[in-house]
Amino acid sequence: METREAELTIELTGVRSSRELHKHLMTALRFPDFYGQNWDAFWDAITGLIEMPLHLRLKGWPELVRLLPRDAEILRQSLTQAQAMYPSSAATVTYD
């Protein structure tokens, strides 16, 4: 029986800093309190610490790419790599 959440939408509109982005991700994906709020910690969280939803929708993606291009690229790469390496537990992602 599948226990993973079917879909989770994270609203990224208005995110203005890497720190704010990590706080949004931590809250929405229910990362543990000890989450380090950096990209290595993000990878560890999505590949073993938490159960990812089946589908993840990132709203406000074009604005995030414009305001935080480096963070947006790392986020996309991390989610894409997780899907390639752990297809049974990673989320499929829509960038809206």
N, C-alpha and C. Protein backbone atom coordinates (compact mmCIF):
# COMPACT_ATOMS: atom_id res chain seq x y z
N MET A 1 0.84 -1.19 0.00
CA MET A 1 0.00 0.00 0.00
C MET A 1 0.88 1.25 0.00
N GLU A 2 0.56 2.20 -0.85
CA GLU A 2 1.33 3.43 -0.98
C GLU A 2 0.99 4.38 0.16
N THR A 3 2.00 4.88 0.86
CA THR A 3 1.78 5.81 1.96
C THR A 3 2.28 7.21 1.64
N ARG A 4 2.96 7.36 0.53
CA ARG A 4 3.50 8.68 0.17
C ARG A 4 2.40 9.64 -0.21
N GLU A 5 2.58 10.89 0.13
CA GLU A 5 1.65 11.94 -0.27
C GLU A 5 1.62 12.01 -1.80
N ALA A 6 0.43 12.12 -2.36
CA ALA A 6 0.29 12.11 -3.82
C ALA A 6 0.94 13.33 -4.46
N GLU A 7 0.62 14.51 -3.97
CA GLU A 7 1.17 15.72 -4.58
C GLU A 7 1.36 16.79 -3.51
N LEU A 8 2.44 17.51 -3.64
CA LEU A 8 2.74 18.62 -2.75
C LEU A 8 3.13 19.81 -3.62
N THR A 9 2.51 20.96 -3.36
CA THR A 9 2.85 22.19 -4.06
C THR A 9 3.59 23.10 -3.10
N ILE A 10 4.72 23.62 -3.56
CA ILE A 10 5.48 24.58 -2.77
C ILE A 10 5.46 25.91 -3.53
N GLU A 11 4.96 26.94 -2.88
CA GLU A 11 4.89 28.28 -3.46
C GLU A 11 6.22 28.98 -3.24
N LEU A 12 6.90 29.30 -4.33
CA LEU A 12 8.21 29.94 -4.25
C LEU A 12 8.18 31.42 -4.62
N THR A 13 7.03 31.92 -5.03
CA THR A 13 6.90 33.33 -5.36
C THR A 13 7.25 34.16 -4.14
N GLY A 14 8.10 35.13 -4.33
CA GLY A 14 8.47 36.01 -3.22
C GLY A 14 9.71 35.59 -2.46
N VAL A 15 10.25 34.41 -2.77
CA VAL A 15 11.48 33.97 -2.11
C VAL A 15 12.63 34.82 -2.64
N ARG A 16 13.38 35.44 -1.73
CA ARG A 16 14.40 36.41 -2.13
C ARG A 16 15.82 36.03 -1.74
N SER A 17 15.99 34.94 -0.99
CA SER A 17 17.34 34.57 -0.56
C SER A 17 17.45 33.06 -0.45
N SER A 18 18.68 32.58 -0.48
CA SER A 18 18.92 31.15 -0.32
C SER A 18 18.40 30.67 1.02
N ARG A 19 18.61 31.45 2.05
CA ARG A 19 18.14 31.09 3.39
C ARG A 19 16.62 30.94 3.41
N GLU A 20 15.94 31.90 2.80
CA GLU A 20 14.47 31.85 2.73
C GLU A 20 14.01 30.64 1.93
N LEU A 21 14.70 30.32 0.85
CA LEU A 21 14.36 29.15 0.05
C LEU A 21 14.48 27.88 0.88
N HIS A 22 15.57 27.74 1.59
CA HIS A 22 15.75 26.54 2.42
C HIS A 22 14.70 26.46 3.52
N LYS A 23 14.29 27.58 4.08
CA LYS A 23 13.22 27.57 5.10
C LYS A 23 11.91 27.10 4.48
N HIS A 24 11.60 27.57 3.27
CA HIS A 24 10.39 27.13 2.57
C HIS A 24 10.43 25.62 2.33
N LEU A 25 11.55 25.14 1.82
CA LEU A 25 11.68 23.71 1.54
C LEU A 25 11.58 22.89 2.81
N MET A 26 12.24 23.35 3.87
CA MET A 26 12.23 22.64 5.14
C MET A 26 10.81 22.50 5.69
N THR A 27 10.07 23.59 5.66
CA THR A 27 8.70 23.56 6.18
C THR A 27 7.79 22.69 5.32
N ALA A 28 7.80 22.93 4.02
CA ALA A 28 6.89 22.23 3.12
C ALA A 28 7.15 20.73 3.06
N LEU A 29 8.43 20.35 3.06
CA LEU A 29 8.78 18.93 2.94
C LEU A 29 8.95 18.25 4.29
N ARG A 30 8.73 19.01 5.36
CA ARG A 30 8.78 18.48 6.73
C ARG A 30 10.15 17.90 7.07
N PHE A 31 11.19 18.66 6.75
CA PHE A 31 12.54 18.24 7.11
C PHE A 31 12.68 18.30 8.63
N PRO A 32 13.57 17.49 9.20
CA PRO A 32 13.77 17.52 10.65
C PRO A 32 14.38 18.85 11.11
N ASP A 33 14.22 19.15 12.39
CA ASP A 33 14.71 20.41 12.94
C ASP A 33 16.21 20.60 12.75
N PHE A 34 16.95 19.51 12.65
CA PHE A 34 18.40 19.62 12.51
C PHE A 34 18.85 19.84 11.07
N TYR A 35 17.90 20.03 10.15
CA TYR A 35 18.25 20.30 8.75
C TYR A 35 19.21 21.48 8.67
N GLY A 36 20.32 21.30 7.97
CA GLY A 36 21.39 22.29 7.93
C GLY A 36 21.19 23.47 7.01
N GLN A 37 20.09 23.51 6.27
CA GLN A 37 19.77 24.61 5.37
C GLN A 37 20.90 24.93 4.40
N ASN A 38 21.41 23.88 3.76
CA ASN A 38 22.39 24.03 2.68
C ASN A 38 22.13 22.90 1.69
N TRP A 39 22.78 22.94 0.54
CA TRP A 39 22.44 21.99 -0.53
C TRP A 39 22.90 20.57 -0.23
N ASP A 40 23.97 20.38 0.52
CA ASP A 40 24.35 19.02 0.92
C ASP A 40 23.30 18.43 1.86
N ALA A 41 22.83 19.24 2.79
CA ALA A 41 21.80 18.78 3.72
C ALA A 41 20.49 18.52 2.97
N PHE A 42 20.18 19.33 1.96
CA PHE A 42 18.98 19.11 1.16
C PHE A 42 19.04 17.74 0.48
N TRP A 43 20.18 17.44 -0.12
CA TRP A 43 20.36 16.15 -0.78
C TRP A 43 20.16 15.01 0.22
N ASP A 44 20.78 15.11 1.38
CA ASP A 44 20.64 14.07 2.40
C ASP A 44 19.17 13.90 2.79
N ALA A 45 18.46 15.01 2.92
CA ALA A 45 17.06 14.94 3.33
C ALA A 45 16.18 14.27 2.28
N ILE A 46 16.34 14.66 1.01
CA ILE A 46 15.43 14.13 -0.02
C ILE A 46 15.79 12.71 -0.44
N THR A 47 16.97 12.24 -0.07
CA THR A 47 17.37 10.89 -0.47
C THR A 47 17.41 9.92 0.70
N GLY A 48 16.85 10.29 1.83
CA GLY A 48 16.85 9.32 2.91
C GLY A 48 16.22 9.76 4.22
N LEU A 49 16.21 11.04 4.51
CA LEU A 49 15.67 11.48 5.80
C LEU A 49 14.16 11.59 5.80
N ILE A 50 13.59 11.93 4.67
CA ILE A 50 12.14 12.12 4.61
C ILE A 50 11.55 11.29 3.48
N GLU A 51 10.25 11.14 3.53
CA GLU A 51 9.54 10.48 2.43
C GLU A 51 9.04 11.58 1.50
N MET A 52 9.53 11.56 0.28
CA MET A 52 9.13 12.56 -0.71
C MET A 52 7.73 12.26 -1.22
N PRO A 53 6.98 13.30 -1.61
CA PRO A 53 5.68 13.05 -2.25
C PRO A 53 5.91 12.38 -3.61
N LEU A 54 4.85 11.79 -4.14
CA LEU A 54 4.96 11.21 -5.48
C LEU A 54 5.23 12.30 -6.51
N HIS A 55 4.55 13.44 -6.35
CA HIS A 55 4.72 14.55 -7.29
C HIS A 55 4.94 15.84 -6.52
N LEU A 56 5.91 16.61 -6.94
CA LEU A 56 6.23 17.89 -6.32
C LEU A 56 6.04 18.98 -7.37
N ARG A 57 5.23 19.97 -7.03
CA ARG A 57 4.97 21.10 -7.94
C ARG A 57 5.61 22.34 -7.31
N LEU A 58 6.53 22.96 -8.04
CA LEU A 58 7.21 24.17 -7.57
C LEU A 58 6.63 25.36 -8.30
N LYS A 59 5.77 26.12 -7.61
CA LYS A 59 5.11 27.29 -8.20
C LYS A 59 5.99 28.52 -8.01
N GLY A 60 5.99 29.38 -9.01
CA GLY A 60 6.81 30.57 -8.96
C GLY A 60 8.23 30.31 -9.43
N TRP A 61 8.41 29.20 -10.17
CA TRP A 61 9.74 28.81 -10.63
C TRP A 61 10.42 29.88 -11.49
N PRO A 62 9.76 30.49 -12.48
CA PRO A 62 10.45 31.49 -13.30
C PRO A 62 11.01 32.65 -12.46
N GLU A 63 10.27 33.07 -11.45
CA GLU A 63 10.74 34.15 -10.58
C GLU A 63 11.95 33.69 -9.77
N LEU A 64 11.92 32.46 -9.27
CA LEU A 64 13.06 31.94 -8.52
C LEU A 64 14.30 31.89 -9.40
N VAL A 65 14.14 31.43 -10.63
CA VAL A 65 15.28 31.37 -11.56
C VAL A 65 15.85 32.76 -11.81
N ARG A 66 14.97 33.74 -11.91
CA ARG A 66 15.42 35.11 -12.15
C ARG A 66 16.13 35.70 -10.93
N LEU A 67 15.58 35.47 -9.74
CA LEU A 67 16.13 36.09 -8.53
C LEU A 67 17.29 35.32 -7.92
N LEU A 68 17.23 34.00 -8.00
CA LEU A 68 18.25 33.14 -7.38
C LEU A 68 18.69 32.07 -8.37
N PRO A 69 19.32 32.46 -9.47
CA PRO A 69 19.63 31.48 -10.52
C PRO A 69 20.51 30.32 -10.06
N ARG A 70 21.49 30.58 -9.23
CA ARG A 70 22.38 29.51 -8.77
C ARG A 70 21.61 28.51 -7.91
N ASP A 71 20.83 29.02 -6.96
CA ASP A 71 20.05 28.13 -6.09
C ASP A 71 19.01 27.36 -6.88
N ALA A 72 18.36 28.02 -7.84
CA ALA A 72 17.36 27.33 -8.66
C ALA A 72 18.00 26.19 -9.44
N GLU A 73 19.18 26.42 -9.98
CA GLU A 73 19.86 25.38 -10.74
C GLU A 73 20.28 24.21 -9.84
N ILE A 74 20.78 24.50 -8.66
CA ILE A 74 21.16 23.43 -7.73
C ILE A 74 19.93 22.65 -7.30
N LEU A 75 18.84 23.34 -7.03
CA LEU A 75 17.60 22.67 -6.65
C LEU A 75 17.14 21.75 -7.77
N ARG A 76 17.11 22.24 -8.99
CA ARG A 76 16.69 21.42 -10.13
C ARG A 76 17.62 20.22 -10.31
N GLN A 77 18.92 20.45 -10.24
CA GLN A 77 19.88 19.35 -10.40
C GLN A 77 19.70 18.29 -9.31
N SER A 78 19.49 18.74 -8.09
CA SER A 78 19.31 17.80 -6.98
C SER A 78 18.07 16.93 -7.18
N LEU A 79 16.97 17.56 -7.54
CA LEU A 79 15.73 16.81 -7.73
C LEU A 79 15.82 15.88 -8.94
N THR A 80 16.48 16.32 -10.00
CA THR A 80 16.66 15.49 -11.19
C THR A 80 17.57 14.30 -10.88
N GLN A 81 18.64 14.55 -10.16
CA GLN A 81 19.57 13.47 -9.81
C GLN A 81 18.90 12.47 -8.87
N ALA A 82 18.11 12.94 -7.93
CA ALA A 82 17.40 12.03 -7.03
C ALA A 82 16.46 11.13 -7.82
N GLN A 83 15.76 11.70 -8.81
CA GLN A 83 14.86 10.91 -9.64
C GLN A 83 15.62 9.85 -10.42
N ALA A 84 16.80 10.20 -10.93
CA ALA A 84 17.60 9.25 -11.70
C ALA A 84 18.18 8.14 -10.82
N MET A 85 18.62 8.51 -9.63
CA MET A 85 19.29 7.54 -8.76
C MET A 85 18.32 6.72 -7.90
N TYR A 86 17.21 7.33 -7.52
CA TYR A 86 16.25 6.69 -6.61
C TYR A 86 14.83 6.82 -7.15
N PRO A 87 14.54 6.26 -8.33
CA PRO A 87 13.24 6.49 -8.96
C PRO A 87 12.05 6.00 -8.14
N SER A 88 12.23 5.02 -7.31
CA SER A 88 11.09 4.51 -6.54
C SER A 88 10.74 5.38 -5.34
N SER A 89 11.64 6.26 -4.93
CA SER A 89 11.36 7.08 -3.75
C SER A 89 11.40 8.59 -4.03
N ALA A 90 11.92 8.98 -5.16
CA ALA A 90 12.01 10.41 -5.49
C ALA A 90 10.69 10.90 -6.07
N ALA A 91 10.49 12.20 -5.99
CA ALA A 91 9.30 12.82 -6.56
C ALA A 91 9.53 13.16 -8.03
N THR A 92 8.46 13.06 -8.82
CA THR A 92 8.49 13.70 -10.13
C THR A 92 8.19 15.18 -9.86
N VAL A 93 8.73 16.05 -10.68
CA VAL A 93 8.65 17.47 -10.37
C VAL A 93 8.10 18.25 -11.55
N THR A 94 7.22 19.20 -11.25
CA THR A 94 6.73 20.16 -12.22
C THR A 94 7.22 21.53 -11.79
N TYR A 95 7.81 22.25 -12.71
CA TYR A 95 8.34 23.59 -12.44
C TYR A 95 7.40 24.60 -13.08
N ASP A 96 6.55 25.21 -12.27
CA ASP A 96 5.55 26.17 -12.76
C ASP A 96 5.96 27.60 -12.47
